[in-house]
N, C-alpha and C. Protein backbone atom coordinates (compact mmCIF):
# COMPACT_ATOMS: atom_id res chain seq x y z
N MET A 1 -1.82 10.17 2.71
CA MET A 1 -0.49 9.09 1.56
C MET A 1 -1.31 8.05 0.89
N THR A 2 -2.00 8.22 0.24
CA THR A 2 -2.50 6.90 -1.00
C THR A 2 -1.73 6.43 -2.17
N GLU A 3 -0.50 6.68 -2.42
CA GLU A 3 0.25 6.41 -3.19
C GLU A 3 0.31 4.68 -3.38
N LEU A 4 1.19 4.32 -1.83
CA LEU A 4 0.64 2.97 -1.79
C LEU A 4 -0.23 2.07 -2.88
N TYR A 5 -1.48 2.54 -2.26
CA TYR A 5 -2.56 1.95 -2.91
C TYR A 5 -2.62 1.78 -4.21
N LYS A 6 -1.74 2.54 -5.07
CA LYS A 6 -2.43 2.26 -6.67
C LYS A 6 -1.14 1.32 -7.31
N PHE A 7 -0.44 0.66 -6.30
CA PHE A 7 0.37 -0.59 -6.62
C PHE A 7 -0.51 -1.94 -6.73
N SER A 8 0.37 -2.75 -7.50
CA SER A 8 -0.56 -4.03 -7.35
C SER A 8 1.13 -5.26 -7.54
N ALA A 9 0.27 -6.29 -7.58
CA ALA A 9 1.49 -7.55 -7.33
C ALA A 9 0.53 -8.95 -7.63
N ARG A 10 1.17 -9.69 -8.12
CA ARG A 10 0.89 -10.93 -8.47
C ARG A 10 1.24 -11.81 -7.74
N SER A 11 0.21 -12.81 -7.11
CA SER A 11 0.08 -13.75 -6.01
C SER A 11 0.93 -14.76 -6.68
N LEU A 12 1.61 -15.47 -5.78
CA LEU A 12 1.98 -16.87 -6.00
C LEU A 12 1.60 -17.63 -7.14
N SER A 13 -0.34 -17.58 -7.34
CA SER A 13 -0.92 -18.29 -7.61
C SER A 13 -0.95 -17.71 -9.17
N GLY A 14 -0.62 -16.20 -9.01
CA GLY A 14 -0.54 -15.61 -10.56
C GLY A 14 -1.92 -14.39 -10.52
N GLU A 15 -2.46 -14.57 -9.18
CA GLU A 15 -3.51 -13.98 -9.58
C GLU A 15 -3.18 -12.09 -9.30
N GLN A 16 -3.53 -11.14 -9.82
CA GLN A 16 -2.98 -9.46 -9.70
C GLN A 16 -3.87 -9.00 -8.35
N ILE A 17 -2.82 -9.03 -7.58
CA ILE A 17 -3.84 -8.09 -6.49
C ILE A 17 -3.50 -6.75 -5.92
N GLY A 18 -4.61 -6.06 -6.04
CA GLY A 18 -4.53 -4.60 -6.23
C GLY A 18 -4.59 -4.41 -4.78
N PHE A 19 -3.51 -3.07 -4.18
CA PHE A 19 -3.05 -2.70 -3.23
C PHE A 19 -4.33 -2.17 -2.39
N GLU A 20 -5.25 -1.60 -3.14
CA GLU A 20 -6.36 -0.78 -2.71
C GLU A 20 -6.86 -1.90 -1.64
N GLN A 21 -6.73 -2.85 -1.74
CA GLN A 21 -7.78 -3.57 -0.78
C GLN A 21 -6.70 -3.90 0.72
N TYR A 22 -6.02 -3.47 0.63
CA TYR A 22 -5.26 -3.27 1.56
C TYR A 22 -5.68 -1.89 2.55
N ARG A 23 -6.35 -0.72 2.06
CA ARG A 23 -6.69 0.07 2.41
C ARG A 23 -7.28 0.23 4.05
N GLY A 24 -6.65 0.99 4.52
CA GLY A 24 -7.01 0.56 6.44
C GLY A 24 -6.49 -0.18 7.05
N GLN A 25 -5.66 -0.97 6.42
CA GLN A 25 -4.94 -1.94 6.85
C GLN A 25 -3.39 -1.79 7.71
N VAL A 26 -3.06 -1.89 8.94
CA VAL A 26 -1.49 -2.17 9.15
C VAL A 26 -0.81 -3.03 7.97
N LEU A 27 0.34 -2.93 7.19
CA LEU A 27 0.98 -3.57 6.53
C LEU A 27 2.56 -4.19 6.97
N LEU A 28 3.19 -4.89 6.75
CA LEU A 28 4.18 -5.36 6.81
C LEU A 28 4.56 -5.84 5.78
N VAL A 29 5.82 -4.89 5.00
CA VAL A 29 6.18 -5.66 3.76
C VAL A 29 7.53 -6.42 3.78
N VAL A 30 8.01 -7.61 3.67
CA VAL A 30 9.40 -8.30 3.53
C VAL A 30 9.62 -8.49 2.28
N ASN A 31 10.93 -8.47 2.12
CA ASN A 31 11.45 -9.20 0.63
C ASN A 31 12.02 -10.28 1.44
N THR A 32 11.85 -11.81 1.10
CA THR A 32 12.22 -12.89 1.75
C THR A 32 12.96 -13.43 0.34
N ALA A 33 13.26 -14.38 1.30
CA ALA A 33 14.01 -15.81 0.62
C ALA A 33 14.12 -16.93 1.07
N SER A 34 13.95 -18.18 0.40
CA SER A 34 14.20 -19.42 0.95
C SER A 34 15.59 -20.11 0.90
N ALA A 35 16.21 -19.63 0.80
CA ALA A 35 17.88 -20.40 1.19
C ALA A 35 18.87 -19.50 1.85
N CYS A 36 18.45 -18.69 2.63
CA CYS A 36 19.04 -17.62 3.56
C CYS A 36 19.17 -17.98 4.94
N GLY A 37 20.49 -17.35 5.06
CA GLY A 37 20.50 -16.93 6.62
C GLY A 37 19.43 -16.71 7.87
N PHE A 38 18.40 -15.95 6.99
CA PHE A 38 17.22 -15.44 7.66
C PHE A 38 15.93 -16.57 7.61
N THR A 39 16.42 -17.15 6.69
CA THR A 39 14.84 -18.02 6.19
C THR A 39 13.88 -18.21 7.32
N PRO A 40 14.09 -18.66 8.75
CA PRO A 40 13.53 -18.66 9.81
C PRO A 40 13.08 -17.92 10.38
N GLN A 41 13.45 -16.70 10.27
CA GLN A 41 11.80 -15.26 9.99
C GLN A 41 10.77 -15.68 9.95
N PHE A 42 10.78 -16.72 8.89
CA PHE A 42 9.48 -17.07 8.12
C PHE A 42 8.39 -17.47 9.65
N THR A 43 9.03 -18.07 10.69
CA THR A 43 8.46 -18.46 11.87
C THR A 43 7.99 -17.30 12.46
N GLY A 44 8.46 -16.69 13.05
CA GLY A 44 8.15 -15.32 13.43
C GLY A 44 6.80 -14.02 12.36
N LEU A 45 6.95 -14.46 11.37
CA LEU A 45 6.23 -13.42 10.63
C LEU A 45 4.92 -13.77 10.76
N GLN A 46 4.99 -15.51 10.47
CA GLN A 46 3.82 -16.17 10.45
C GLN A 46 3.36 -16.27 12.50
N ALA A 47 4.26 -15.94 12.64
CA ALA A 47 3.24 -15.70 14.59
C ALA A 47 2.89 -13.93 14.73
N LEU A 48 3.49 -13.25 14.08
CA LEU A 48 2.84 -12.06 13.71
C LEU A 48 1.74 -11.96 13.00
N HIS A 49 1.43 -12.77 12.13
CA HIS A 49 0.28 -12.61 11.19
C HIS A 49 -1.00 -13.48 12.05
N GLU A 50 -0.50 -14.53 12.74
CA GLU A 50 -1.46 -15.15 13.82
C GLU A 50 -1.80 -13.91 14.50
N GLN A 51 -0.89 -13.42 15.27
CA GLN A 51 -0.90 -12.68 16.52
C GLN A 51 -1.97 -11.25 16.31
N PHE A 52 -1.47 -10.81 14.94
CA PHE A 52 -2.53 -9.34 14.81
C PHE A 52 -3.03 -9.25 13.65
N SER A 53 -3.97 -10.48 13.18
CA SER A 53 -4.37 -10.42 12.03
C SER A 53 -5.72 -9.94 11.92
N GLU A 54 -5.93 -10.54 13.14
CA GLU A 54 -8.04 -10.11 13.19
C GLU A 54 -7.98 -8.78 13.50
N ARG A 55 -6.61 -8.28 14.14
CA ARG A 55 -6.66 -6.42 14.59
C ARG A 55 -6.51 -5.60 13.34
N GLY A 56 -6.33 -6.01 12.06
CA GLY A 56 -5.65 -5.52 11.14
C GLY A 56 -4.71 -5.31 10.37
N LEU A 57 -3.57 -6.61 10.69
CA LEU A 57 -1.63 -6.76 10.66
C LEU A 57 -2.41 -7.38 9.33
N ARG A 58 -1.50 -6.74 8.24
CA ARG A 58 -1.42 -7.91 6.89
C ARG A 58 0.05 -8.13 6.96
N VAL A 59 0.63 -9.13 6.83
CA VAL A 59 1.77 -9.69 6.54
C VAL A 59 2.05 -9.89 5.01
N LEU A 60 2.87 -8.83 4.51
CA LEU A 60 3.17 -9.56 2.62
C LEU A 60 4.34 -10.11 2.37
N GLY A 61 4.58 -10.76 1.87
CA GLY A 61 5.99 -11.49 1.13
C GLY A 61 6.05 -11.63 0.33
N PHE A 62 7.16 -10.87 -0.56
CA PHE A 62 7.83 -10.78 -1.49
C PHE A 62 9.23 -11.33 -2.01
N PRO A 63 8.97 -12.79 -2.33
CA PRO A 63 10.30 -13.71 -2.86
C PRO A 63 11.29 -12.42 -3.60
N CYS A 64 12.65 -12.91 -3.50
CA CYS A 64 13.78 -12.25 -4.30
C CYS A 64 14.76 -13.00 -4.23
N ASN A 65 15.44 -13.04 -5.35
CA ASN A 65 16.70 -13.74 -5.54
C ASN A 65 18.02 -12.92 -5.74
N GLN A 66 18.07 -11.78 -5.69
CA GLN A 66 18.83 -10.60 -6.19
C GLN A 66 20.23 -10.63 -5.03
N PHE A 67 19.53 -11.48 -4.10
CA PHE A 67 20.67 -11.25 -2.72
C PHE A 67 21.35 -12.99 -2.96
N GLY A 68 22.63 -13.21 -3.29
CA GLY A 68 23.22 -14.38 -3.20
C GLY A 68 22.57 -15.97 -3.66
N ARG A 69 21.85 -15.17 -4.74
CA ARG A 69 20.56 -16.30 -5.74
C ARG A 69 19.43 -16.94 -4.45
N GLN A 70 19.74 -16.61 -3.78
CA GLN A 70 18.72 -17.30 -2.49
C GLN A 70 17.72 -17.57 -2.43
N GLU A 71 16.76 -17.36 -4.01
CA GLU A 71 15.45 -17.82 -3.87
C GLU A 71 15.28 -17.90 -5.60
N PRO A 72 15.64 -19.53 -5.82
CA PRO A 72 15.90 -19.45 -7.38
C PRO A 72 14.75 -20.23 -7.87
N GLY A 73 13.70 -20.75 -7.08
CA GLY A 73 12.58 -21.67 -7.34
C GLY A 73 11.50 -20.94 -7.79
N SER A 74 10.52 -21.43 -8.33
CA SER A 74 9.61 -21.04 -9.00
C SER A 74 8.58 -20.77 -8.02
N SER A 75 7.70 -19.92 -8.64
CA SER A 75 5.89 -19.54 -7.64
C SER A 75 5.72 -21.06 -6.60
N GLU A 76 5.42 -21.81 -7.52
CA GLU A 76 5.05 -22.92 -6.95
C GLU A 76 5.72 -23.87 -5.88
N THR A 77 7.44 -24.04 -6.21
CA THR A 77 8.11 -24.31 -5.45
C THR A 77 8.12 -22.95 -3.84
N ILE A 78 8.62 -22.31 -4.12
CA ILE A 78 8.64 -20.89 -3.12
C ILE A 78 7.06 -21.49 -2.54
N GLY A 79 5.99 -21.19 -2.65
CA GLY A 79 4.91 -21.46 -1.88
C GLY A 79 4.63 -22.89 -1.37
N THR A 80 5.03 -23.84 -1.77
CA THR A 80 5.23 -24.98 -1.23
C THR A 80 6.27 -25.05 0.28
N PHE A 81 7.20 -24.55 -0.27
CA PHE A 81 8.51 -24.68 0.98
C PHE A 81 8.32 -23.44 1.60
N CYS A 82 7.30 -22.57 1.77
CA CYS A 82 7.48 -21.98 2.97
C CYS A 82 6.12 -22.98 3.79
N GLN A 83 4.88 -23.32 2.90
CA GLN A 83 3.76 -23.77 3.91
C GLN A 83 4.27 -24.87 4.41
N ARG A 84 5.03 -26.11 3.77
CA ARG A 84 5.49 -26.72 4.65
C ARG A 84 6.40 -26.92 5.58
N ASN A 85 7.30 -25.68 5.10
CA ASN A 85 8.36 -25.81 6.41
C ASN A 85 7.91 -24.74 7.59
N TYR A 86 7.39 -24.08 7.03
CA TYR A 86 6.99 -22.53 8.34
C TYR A 86 5.47 -22.35 8.20
N GLY A 87 4.60 -22.85 7.83
CA GLY A 87 3.26 -22.99 7.70
C GLY A 87 2.89 -21.68 7.56
N VAL A 88 3.54 -21.04 6.90
CA VAL A 88 2.77 -19.66 6.44
C VAL A 88 1.72 -19.36 5.46
N SER A 89 0.64 -18.79 6.04
CA SER A 89 -0.60 -18.63 5.66
C SER A 89 -0.57 -17.04 4.61
N PHE A 90 0.26 -16.20 5.55
CA PHE A 90 0.16 -14.74 5.32
C PHE A 90 0.66 -14.59 3.46
N ALA A 91 -0.07 -13.49 3.06
CA ALA A 91 0.34 -13.26 1.62
C ALA A 91 1.37 -13.15 1.09
N MET A 92 1.98 -13.96 0.14
CA MET A 92 3.13 -14.23 -0.50
C MET A 92 3.11 -13.65 -2.26
N PHE A 93 3.63 -13.40 -2.64
CA PHE A 93 3.78 -12.37 -3.90
C PHE A 93 4.74 -13.66 -5.10
N GLU A 94 5.00 -13.29 -6.25
CA GLU A 94 5.30 -13.77 -7.01
C GLU A 94 6.73 -13.08 -6.71
N LYS A 95 7.87 -13.75 -7.10
CA LYS A 95 9.66 -13.70 -7.29
C LYS A 95 9.42 -11.56 -7.92
N ILE A 96 9.92 -11.02 -7.08
CA ILE A 96 10.18 -9.52 -7.91
C ILE A 96 11.60 -9.14 -7.57
N GLU A 97 12.08 -8.37 -8.02
CA GLU A 97 13.62 -7.30 -7.60
C GLU A 97 13.48 -6.29 -6.85
N VAL A 98 14.61 -6.09 -6.16
CA VAL A 98 13.44 -4.61 -5.05
C VAL A 98 14.47 -3.87 -4.98
N ASN A 99 15.66 -4.11 -5.80
CA ASN A 99 16.84 -2.74 -6.26
C ASN A 99 16.95 -2.55 -7.55
N GLY A 100 17.55 -2.05 -8.14
CA GLY A 100 17.79 -1.86 -10.01
C GLY A 100 17.16 -1.41 -10.79
N ASP A 101 17.46 -1.20 -11.94
CA ASP A 101 16.22 -0.79 -12.99
C ASP A 101 14.95 -1.80 -12.90
N ASN A 102 15.02 -2.94 -12.67
CA ASN A 102 14.08 -3.61 -12.84
C ASN A 102 13.20 -3.60 -11.61
N ALA A 103 13.68 -2.84 -10.40
CA ALA A 103 12.51 -3.12 -9.04
C ALA A 103 11.31 -2.78 -9.24
N HIS A 104 10.36 -3.74 -8.50
CA HIS A 104 9.20 -3.54 -8.40
C HIS A 104 8.78 -2.17 -8.00
N PRO A 105 7.68 -1.44 -8.81
CA PRO A 105 7.19 -0.12 -8.26
C PRO A 105 7.03 0.19 -6.81
N LEU A 106 6.68 -0.78 -6.25
CA LEU A 106 6.31 -1.25 -4.51
C LEU A 106 6.99 -0.39 -3.76
N TYR A 107 8.67 -1.27 -4.18
CA TYR A 107 9.92 -1.09 -3.74
C TYR A 107 10.55 -0.30 -4.30
N ARG A 108 10.13 0.67 -5.10
CA ARG A 108 10.97 1.72 -5.16
C ARG A 108 10.11 2.74 -4.56
N TYR A 109 8.78 3.04 -3.98
CA TYR A 109 7.96 3.46 -3.54
C TYR A 109 9.07 3.38 -1.94
N LEU A 110 8.97 2.26 -1.52
CA LEU A 110 9.31 2.03 0.00
C LEU A 110 10.26 2.23 0.27
N LYS A 111 11.65 2.25 -0.42
CA LYS A 111 12.38 2.94 0.05
C LYS A 111 12.56 4.71 -0.43
N ALA A 112 12.26 4.66 -1.53
CA ALA A 112 11.69 5.79 -1.44
C ALA A 112 11.38 6.64 -0.26
N GLU A 113 10.41 6.53 0.49
CA GLU A 113 9.28 6.56 1.88
C GLU A 113 10.49 6.85 3.28
N HIS A 114 10.72 5.90 2.66
CA HIS A 114 11.83 5.32 4.48
C HIS A 114 13.52 4.79 3.60
N PRO A 115 14.14 5.83 3.51
CA PRO A 115 15.83 5.59 3.23
C PRO A 115 16.05 4.53 4.73
N GLY A 116 17.10 3.86 4.08
CA GLY A 116 17.81 3.03 4.81
C GLY A 116 18.93 3.71 5.80
N LEU A 117 20.11 3.14 6.41
CA LEU A 117 21.32 3.35 7.10
C LEU A 117 21.97 4.70 6.60
N LEU A 118 21.64 6.02 6.69
CA LEU A 118 22.50 6.66 5.65
C LEU A 118 22.29 7.54 4.77
N GLY A 119 20.52 7.60 4.66
CA GLY A 119 19.97 7.99 3.48
C GLY A 119 20.41 7.27 2.43
N LEU A 120 20.74 6.05 2.61
CA LEU A 120 20.30 5.17 1.01
C LEU A 120 19.54 4.48 0.54
N GLU A 121 19.11 4.46 0.01
CA GLU A 121 17.72 3.57 -0.69
C GLU A 121 17.73 2.09 -0.57
N GLY A 122 18.62 1.72 -1.30
CA GLY A 122 18.91 0.49 -1.50
C GLY A 122 18.95 -0.50 -0.46
N ILE A 123 17.99 -1.71 -1.09
CA ILE A 123 17.94 -2.99 0.31
C ILE A 123 19.30 -3.78 0.06
N LYS A 124 19.58 -3.82 1.18
CA LYS A 124 21.28 -4.58 1.73
C LYS A 124 20.65 -6.18 1.85
N TRP A 125 20.16 -7.02 1.81
CA TRP A 125 19.88 -7.90 1.64
C TRP A 125 18.35 -8.57 1.89
N ASN A 126 17.83 -9.79 2.31
CA ASN A 126 16.47 -10.29 2.20
C ASN A 126 16.22 -10.36 3.54
N PHE A 127 15.08 -10.06 3.73
CA PHE A 127 14.08 -9.84 5.06
C PHE A 127 14.65 -8.25 6.03
N THR A 128 14.71 -7.41 4.83
CA THR A 128 14.47 -6.00 5.05
C THR A 128 12.55 -6.20 5.18
N LYS A 129 12.12 -5.01 5.96
CA LYS A 129 11.24 -5.01 6.69
C LYS A 129 10.13 -3.52 6.57
N PHE A 130 9.10 -3.73 6.06
CA PHE A 130 9.01 -1.96 6.08
C PHE A 130 7.45 -2.37 6.98
N LEU A 131 6.96 -1.17 7.73
CA LEU A 131 5.86 -1.05 8.50
C LEU A 131 5.25 -0.24 7.94
N ILE A 132 3.78 -0.51 7.84
CA ILE A 132 3.27 0.82 6.89
C ILE A 132 2.09 0.54 7.82
N ASP A 133 1.43 2.26 8.31
CA ASP A 133 0.22 2.64 8.96
C ASP A 133 -0.95 2.06 8.04
N ARG A 134 -1.91 2.85 8.56
CA ARG A 134 -3.56 2.09 7.79
C ARG A 134 -3.87 3.54 6.85
N LYS A 135 -3.09 4.40 7.19
CA LYS A 135 -3.07 5.50 5.98
C LYS A 135 -2.16 5.45 4.84
N GLY A 136 -1.44 4.03 4.98
CA GLY A 136 -0.92 4.03 3.57
C GLY A 136 0.99 5.05 3.99
N LYS A 137 1.00 4.98 5.06
CA LYS A 137 2.43 6.15 5.37
C LYS A 137 3.05 4.99 5.89
N VAL A 138 4.44 4.83 5.52
CA VAL A 138 5.53 4.03 5.89
C VAL A 138 6.01 4.77 7.01
N VAL A 139 6.17 3.69 8.14
CA VAL A 139 6.74 4.80 9.54
C VAL A 139 8.08 4.46 10.18
N LYS A 140 8.49 2.50 9.34
CA LYS A 140 9.55 2.56 9.93
C LYS A 140 10.02 1.31 8.84
N ARG A 141 11.45 1.21 8.81
CA ARG A 141 12.32 0.07 8.36
C ARG A 141 12.97 -0.40 8.75
N TYR A 142 12.92 -1.78 8.88
CA TYR A 142 13.93 -2.46 9.65
C TYR A 142 14.87 -3.19 9.31
N ALA A 143 16.27 -3.44 9.60
CA ALA A 143 17.41 -4.85 8.87
C ALA A 143 16.77 -6.21 8.73
N PRO A 144 17.61 -6.60 7.75
CA PRO A 144 17.52 -7.76 8.02
C PRO A 144 17.58 -8.77 8.81
N THR A 145 18.12 -7.61 10.09
CA THR A 145 18.77 -8.87 11.11
C THR A 145 17.75 -8.06 12.49
N THR A 146 16.61 -7.45 12.38
CA THR A 146 16.12 -7.19 13.23
C THR A 146 15.12 -8.91 13.00
N LYS A 147 14.80 -9.57 13.87
CA LYS A 147 13.53 -10.80 14.34
C LYS A 147 12.44 -9.88 13.99
N PRO A 148 11.41 -10.63 13.70
CA PRO A 148 9.80 -10.15 13.48
C PRO A 148 9.51 -10.06 14.97
N GLU A 149 9.70 -10.75 16.27
CA GLU A 149 9.75 -10.62 17.36
C GLU A 149 9.32 -9.48 17.80
N ALA A 150 10.96 -8.43 17.68
CA ALA A 150 11.41 -7.26 18.14
C ALA A 150 10.12 -6.36 16.87
N ILE A 151 9.66 -6.56 16.23
CA ILE A 151 8.39 -5.63 16.05
C ILE A 151 7.73 -5.34 16.63
N SER A 152 6.90 -6.77 17.29
CA SER A 152 5.99 -6.62 18.01
C SER A 152 5.29 -5.55 18.40
N ALA A 153 5.99 -4.82 19.13
CA ALA A 153 5.51 -4.28 20.12
C ALA A 153 5.24 -2.87 19.22
N ASP A 154 6.00 -2.50 17.93
CA ASP A 154 6.20 -1.45 16.87
C ASP A 154 4.62 -1.69 16.85
N ILE A 155 4.27 -2.91 16.20
CA ILE A 155 2.95 -3.24 15.47
C ILE A 155 1.98 -2.85 16.94
N GLU A 156 2.04 -3.71 18.11
CA GLU A 156 1.30 -3.23 18.64
C GLU A 156 0.52 -1.97 19.04
N ALA A 157 1.64 -0.89 18.81
CA ALA A 157 1.17 0.63 19.20
C ALA A 157 0.92 0.86 17.93
N LEU A 158 1.16 0.71 16.70
CA LEU A 158 0.43 1.13 15.85
C LEU A 158 -0.96 1.02 15.63
N LEU A 159 -1.70 -0.43 15.66
CA LEU A 159 -2.44 -0.72 15.99
C LEU A 159 -3.23 -0.34 16.91
N LYS A 160 -2.73 -0.06 17.91
CA LYS A 160 -3.29 0.78 19.01
C LYS A 160 -3.67 2.10 18.94
N ALA A 161 -2.69 2.72 18.52
CA ALA A 161 -3.03 4.40 17.82
C ALA A 161 -3.78 4.58 16.65
N ASP A 162 -3.86 3.73 15.74
CA ASP A 162 -4.85 3.81 14.37
C ASP A 162 -6.33 3.52 14.90
N ALA A 163 -6.17 2.60 16.08
CA ALA A 163 -7.62 2.05 16.46
C ALA A 163 -8.15 3.30 17.31
N ALA A 164 -7.23 4.16 18.03
CA ALA A 164 -8.18 5.56 18.54
C ALA A 164 -7.91 6.34 18.08
N SER A 165 -7.21 6.41 16.67
CA SER A 165 -8.14 7.93 15.81
C SER A 165 -9.15 7.91 14.77
């Protein structure tokens, strides 16, 4: 499962980031928004980042404005908001689309690898989460209502399993 590592995306500062640099890491990929009812999940995502980053977890945030126009700001505005209000220090990328013809290739891949309920691929709302193992395999997809702290045990198990292999 190395297709994941062929992707790249621009960070909020405009730097092109190749996903090859994440090879061997456990990833939690999340589409985010600054003006959503789930926006407080940034606190939990940051807590996961702080708890597990030394052991190999990378949280990757992808702002998206496709759901209720809840991410209208520029990259600078998004970055300032996330840092000021939630202390976000995990990787945040430029705003992307996750559904439709202009969906980012990463999200096309994630949705195909792990469809949602009833096999539907579309992302339903902000804060949909994908957990990816160290080999680049998408192992689980979480609904927007799943709080980051509820994912902690799955991350822990994956980090332990991956460390043992």
